[in-house]
Amino acid sequence: MTSFRAVRSLRTSLRVAAGCTAVAACIALAACSSIPKRPGSSVETLSPANVAARSPVDVVVAPVANPSGKASVPSEMLRESFHDGLVKRRYSPLALTYVDRKVVDASYKPGTLQEEAVLQITVERWDDSLWDSHRAVTLRIGARLIDATDPSGTDLWAGRLERRFDVDKGGESTLGADGLMRKACESIAAELLAALPARDPAPGGASSPR
């Protein structure tokens, strides 16, 4: 009888242990699946990053190019978002109003404003057909940081991003449609610029991928 009870107790313990192991495995799997992607991981780098060697400080953010042909592209919001995104990456973009006031015609050439680099943004595709219903936009957008001191316009860095962005509709009552679109533009700029090596603000410092 004692032996039978011992065997039954052992089986019960094994079942409990197995159950705990399964639960632990499920928790671990859920934790792994919820780990957010590294910022910039969806960006395709189109050219080697030469930013470290040049380490530009002053940057002109050019008006957004829109070969997609979609009139609904929020060009100004995107440009402002990339301007602010460069600041977060420790660059010093020139004020957009200053740039637009100085550059009034097509005669502008990189370096005209004594900038060291120019960020060119190109919206290749823009699909906002789900914006009204889901506050989602799918796009393909590229960015090039070119050396303004080089007449040939050498790329210091270039990347392309193609994906869908969904904006949390929870803040719609306070932000409104325009506020949510600005939030989408900020997310787009942050994701694309996350692949641009951050500049080291220390004297003589080079850019780093932080």
Protein backbone atom coordinates (compact mmCIF):
# COMPACT_ATOMS: atom_id res chain seq x y z
CA MET A 1 0.00 0.00 0.00
CA THR A 2 2.79 2.40 0.93
CA SER A 3 4.56 1.65 -2.34
CA PHE A 4 1.37 2.30 -4.32
CA ARG A 5 0.84 5.65 -2.59
CA ALA A 6 4.44 6.61 -3.24
CA VAL A 7 4.12 5.78 -6.94
CA ARG A 8 0.87 7.74 -7.20
CA SER A 9 2.42 10.70 -5.41
CA LEU A 10 5.39 10.59 -7.74
CA ARG A 11 3.12 10.56 -10.79
CA THR A 12 1.17 13.51 -9.44
CA SER A 13 4.39 15.43 -8.85
CA LEU A 14 5.58 14.69 -12.36
CA ARG A 15 2.28 15.88 -13.84
CA VAL A 16 2.46 19.11 -11.84
CA ALA A 17 6.06 19.65 -12.89
CA ALA A 18 5.19 19.02 -16.53
CA GLY A 19 2.31 21.46 -16.31
CA CYS A 20 4.51 24.15 -14.78
CA THR A 21 7.09 23.60 -17.49
CA ALA A 22 4.44 23.99 -20.19
CA VAL A 23 3.11 27.16 -18.61
CA ALA A 24 6.63 28.57 -18.32
CA ALA A 25 7.29 27.75 -21.95
CA CYS A 26 4.09 29.51 -23.03
CA ILE A 27 5.00 32.60 -20.99
CA ALA A 28 8.49 32.66 -22.48
CA LEU A 29 7.09 32.28 -26.01
CA ALA A 30 4.61 35.10 -25.45
CA ALA A 31 7.37 37.31 -24.08
CA CYS A 32 9.55 36.63 -27.10
CA SER A 33 6.73 37.35 -29.55
CA SER A 34 5.98 40.66 -27.85
CA ILE A 35 9.55 41.96 -28.03
CA PRO A 36 9.40 45.10 -30.21
CA LYS A 37 11.51 45.24 -33.33
CA ARG A 38 14.70 47.26 -33.16
CA PRO A 39 14.07 50.79 -34.51
CA GLY A 40 15.28 51.03 -38.08
CA SER A 41 15.27 47.27 -38.63
CA SER A 42 12.79 47.59 -41.52
CA VAL A 43 14.99 50.11 -43.37
CA GLU A 44 16.88 48.98 -46.45
CA THR A 45 20.29 50.65 -46.57
CA LEU A 46 21.05 51.68 -50.13
CA SER A 47 24.61 52.90 -49.76
CA PRO A 48 27.49 52.52 -47.31
CA ALA A 49 27.35 54.95 -44.41
CA ASN A 50 30.08 57.53 -44.96
CA VAL A 51 28.68 59.81 -42.27
CA ALA A 52 31.36 58.86 -39.75
CA ALA A 53 34.15 60.06 -42.01
CA ARG A 54 32.45 63.36 -42.88
CA SER A 55 30.55 63.96 -39.61
CA PRO A 56 28.36 66.79 -40.96
CA VAL A 57 26.80 69.25 -38.53
CA ASP A 58 24.60 71.73 -40.39
CA VAL A 59 22.05 70.01 -42.61
CA VAL A 60 19.48 71.37 -45.03
CA VAL A 61 16.24 69.37 -45.22
CA ALA A 62 15.10 69.81 -48.80
CA PRO A 63 11.41 70.00 -49.77
CA VAL A 64 9.91 66.53 -50.08
CA ALA A 65 9.91 65.09 -53.60
CA ASN A 66 6.67 63.31 -54.49
CA PRO A 67 6.99 61.14 -57.61
CA SER A 68 4.11 59.03 -56.25
CA GLY A 69 1.78 61.61 -57.75
CA LYS A 70 -0.59 61.41 -54.77
CA ALA A 71 -1.91 64.84 -53.83
CA SER A 72 -2.72 63.58 -50.32
CA VAL A 73 0.96 63.17 -49.36
CA PRO A 74 1.52 65.40 -46.29
CA SER A 75 4.78 66.79 -47.63
CA GLU A 76 5.19 69.61 -45.12
CA MET A 77 4.42 67.37 -42.14
CA LEU A 78 6.95 64.83 -43.37
CA ARG A 79 9.59 67.48 -43.91
CA GLU A 80 9.05 68.91 -40.42
CA SER A 81 9.14 65.43 -38.91
CA PHE A 82 12.45 64.62 -40.61
CA HIS A 83 13.83 67.99 -39.48
CA ASP A 84 12.93 67.19 -35.86
CA GLY A 85 14.19 63.63 -36.28
CA LEU A 86 17.63 64.88 -37.30
CA VAL A 87 17.81 66.91 -34.10
CA LYS A 88 17.18 63.73 -32.12
CA ARG A 89 20.03 62.10 -34.05
CA ARG A 90 22.25 65.02 -32.87
CA TYR A 91 22.51 66.82 -36.19
CA SER A 92 21.82 70.55 -36.59
CA PRO A 93 19.30 71.03 -39.39
CA LEU A 94 18.82 74.60 -40.53
CA ALA A 95 15.43 76.15 -39.79
CA LEU A 96 13.00 75.36 -42.59
CA THR A 97 11.76 78.94 -42.76
CA TYR A 98 15.35 80.15 -43.16
CA VAL A 99 16.02 77.61 -45.91
CA ASP A 100 12.84 78.50 -47.79
CA ARG A 101 13.53 82.22 -47.46
CA LYS A 102 17.04 81.87 -48.85
CA VAL A 103 16.29 79.30 -51.52
CA VAL A 104 13.67 80.94 -53.70
CA ASP A 105 14.31 79.39 -57.10
CA ALA A 106 15.84 76.44 -58.89
CA SER A 107 19.31 78.02 -58.84
CA TYR A 108 19.98 76.52 -55.40
CA LYS A 109 22.87 74.09 -55.22
CA PRO A 110 24.01 72.07 -52.19
CA GLY A 111 26.37 74.18 -50.11
CA THR A 112 24.72 77.50 -50.97
CA LEU A 113 23.78 78.07 -47.32
CA GLN A 114 27.15 76.85 -46.04
CA GLU A 115 25.51 73.60 -44.98
CA GLU A 116 27.62 70.47 -44.85
CA ALA A 117 24.93 68.02 -45.95
CA VAL A 118 21.48 67.93 -47.53
CA LEU A 119 18.74 65.46 -46.64
CA GLN A 120 16.61 64.59 -49.65
CA ILE A 121 13.31 62.80 -49.00
CA THR A 122 11.38 61.04 -51.77
CA VAL A 123 7.89 59.57 -51.43
CA GLU A 124 7.83 56.79 -54.01
CA ARG A 125 4.46 55.31 -53.00
CA TRP A 126 1.66 56.54 -50.77
CA ASP A 127 -1.50 54.53 -50.07
CA ASP A 128 -3.85 56.12 -47.57
CA SER A 129 -6.98 54.25 -48.67
CA LEU A 130 -7.28 52.81 -45.14
CA TRP A 131 -6.73 56.10 -43.37
CA ASP A 132 -10.37 57.00 -42.73
CA SER A 133 -11.33 53.52 -41.54
CA HIS A 134 -8.18 52.28 -39.80
CA ARG A 135 -5.87 55.30 -39.51
CA ALA A 136 -3.29 53.33 -41.49
CA VAL A 137 -1.01 54.32 -44.34
CA THR A 138 1.26 52.15 -46.49
CA LEU A 139 4.20 53.80 -48.20
CA ARG A 140 7.58 53.47 -49.79
CA ILE A 141 9.85 56.38 -48.92
CA GLY A 142 13.53 57.00 -49.44
CA ALA A 143 16.03 59.38 -47.90
CA ARG A 144 19.51 60.45 -49.00
CA LEU A 145 22.01 62.43 -46.98
CA ILE A 146 24.42 63.93 -49.51
CA ASP A 147 27.70 65.73 -48.98
CA ALA A 148 27.03 69.40 -49.72
CA THR A 149 30.77 70.14 -49.97
CA ASP A 150 31.28 67.66 -52.80
CA PRO A 151 30.26 68.97 -56.25
CA SER A 152 29.38 65.43 -57.31
CA GLY A 153 26.93 65.08 -54.41
CA THR A 154 28.37 61.95 -52.81
CA ASP A 155 25.95 59.96 -50.69
CA LEU A 156 26.87 60.00 -47.01
CA TRP A 157 23.96 57.68 -46.30
CA ALA A 158 20.84 56.47 -48.07
CA GLY A 159 17.96 54.27 -47.02
CA ARG A 160 14.50 53.18 -48.10
CA LEU A 161 11.51 52.17 -46.03
CA GLU A 162 8.47 50.25 -47.28
CA ARG A 163 5.79 49.25 -44.78
CA ARG A 164 2.41 50.00 -43.27
CA PHE A 165 2.07 52.37 -40.35
CA ASP A 166 -0.93 52.15 -38.03
CA VAL A 167 -1.66 55.07 -35.75
CA ASP A 168 -3.34 54.49 -32.39
CA LYS A 169 -6.85 55.88 -32.76
CA GLY A 170 -7.11 56.31 -29.00
CA GLY A 171 -6.00 59.93 -29.17
CA GLU A 172 -8.36 60.88 -31.98
CA SER A 173 -10.63 62.88 -29.71
CA THR A 174 -7.77 65.15 -28.65
CA LEU A 175 -5.47 65.12 -31.68
CA GLY A 176 -7.97 65.12 -34.51
CA ALA A 177 -7.27 63.80 -38.01
CA ASP A 178 -4.43 66.27 -38.67
CA GLY A 179 -2.81 65.48 -35.34
CA LEU A 180 -2.93 61.76 -36.05
CA MET A 181 -1.42 62.29 -39.51
CA ARG A 182 1.38 64.28 -37.94
CA LYS A 183 1.89 61.42 -35.50
CA ALA A 184 2.13 59.03 -38.46
CA CYS A 185 4.70 61.28 -40.14
CA GLU A 186 6.76 61.41 -36.94
CA SER A 187 6.72 57.60 -36.74
CA ILE A 188 7.78 57.30 -40.39
CA ALA A 189 10.65 59.75 -39.94
CA ALA A 190 11.77 58.15 -36.69
CA GLU A 191 11.84 54.67 -38.23
CA LEU A 192 13.77 55.72 -41.32
CA LEU A 193 16.24 57.93 -39.45
CA ALA A 194 16.88 55.21 -36.86
CA ALA A 195 19.05 53.59 -39.53
CA LEU A 196 21.09 56.78 -39.91
CA PRO A 197 24.15 56.74 -37.63
CA ALA A 198 23.72 59.28 -34.85
CA ARG A 199 26.26 62.06 -34.73
CA ASP A 200 28.67 62.31 -31.82
CA PRO A 201 28.39 65.95 -30.65
CA ALA A 202 31.81 65.87 -28.99
CA PRO A 203 34.49 67.99 -30.72
CA GLY A 204 35.98 65.96 -33.53
CA GLY A 205 33.48 63.21 -32.84
CA ALA A 206 32.27 60.96 -35.60
CA SER A 207 28.86 59.49 -36.18
CA SER A 208 27.92 56.29 -34.44
CA PRO A 209 25.06 53.82 -34.99
CA ARG A 210 23.57 54.41 -31.52
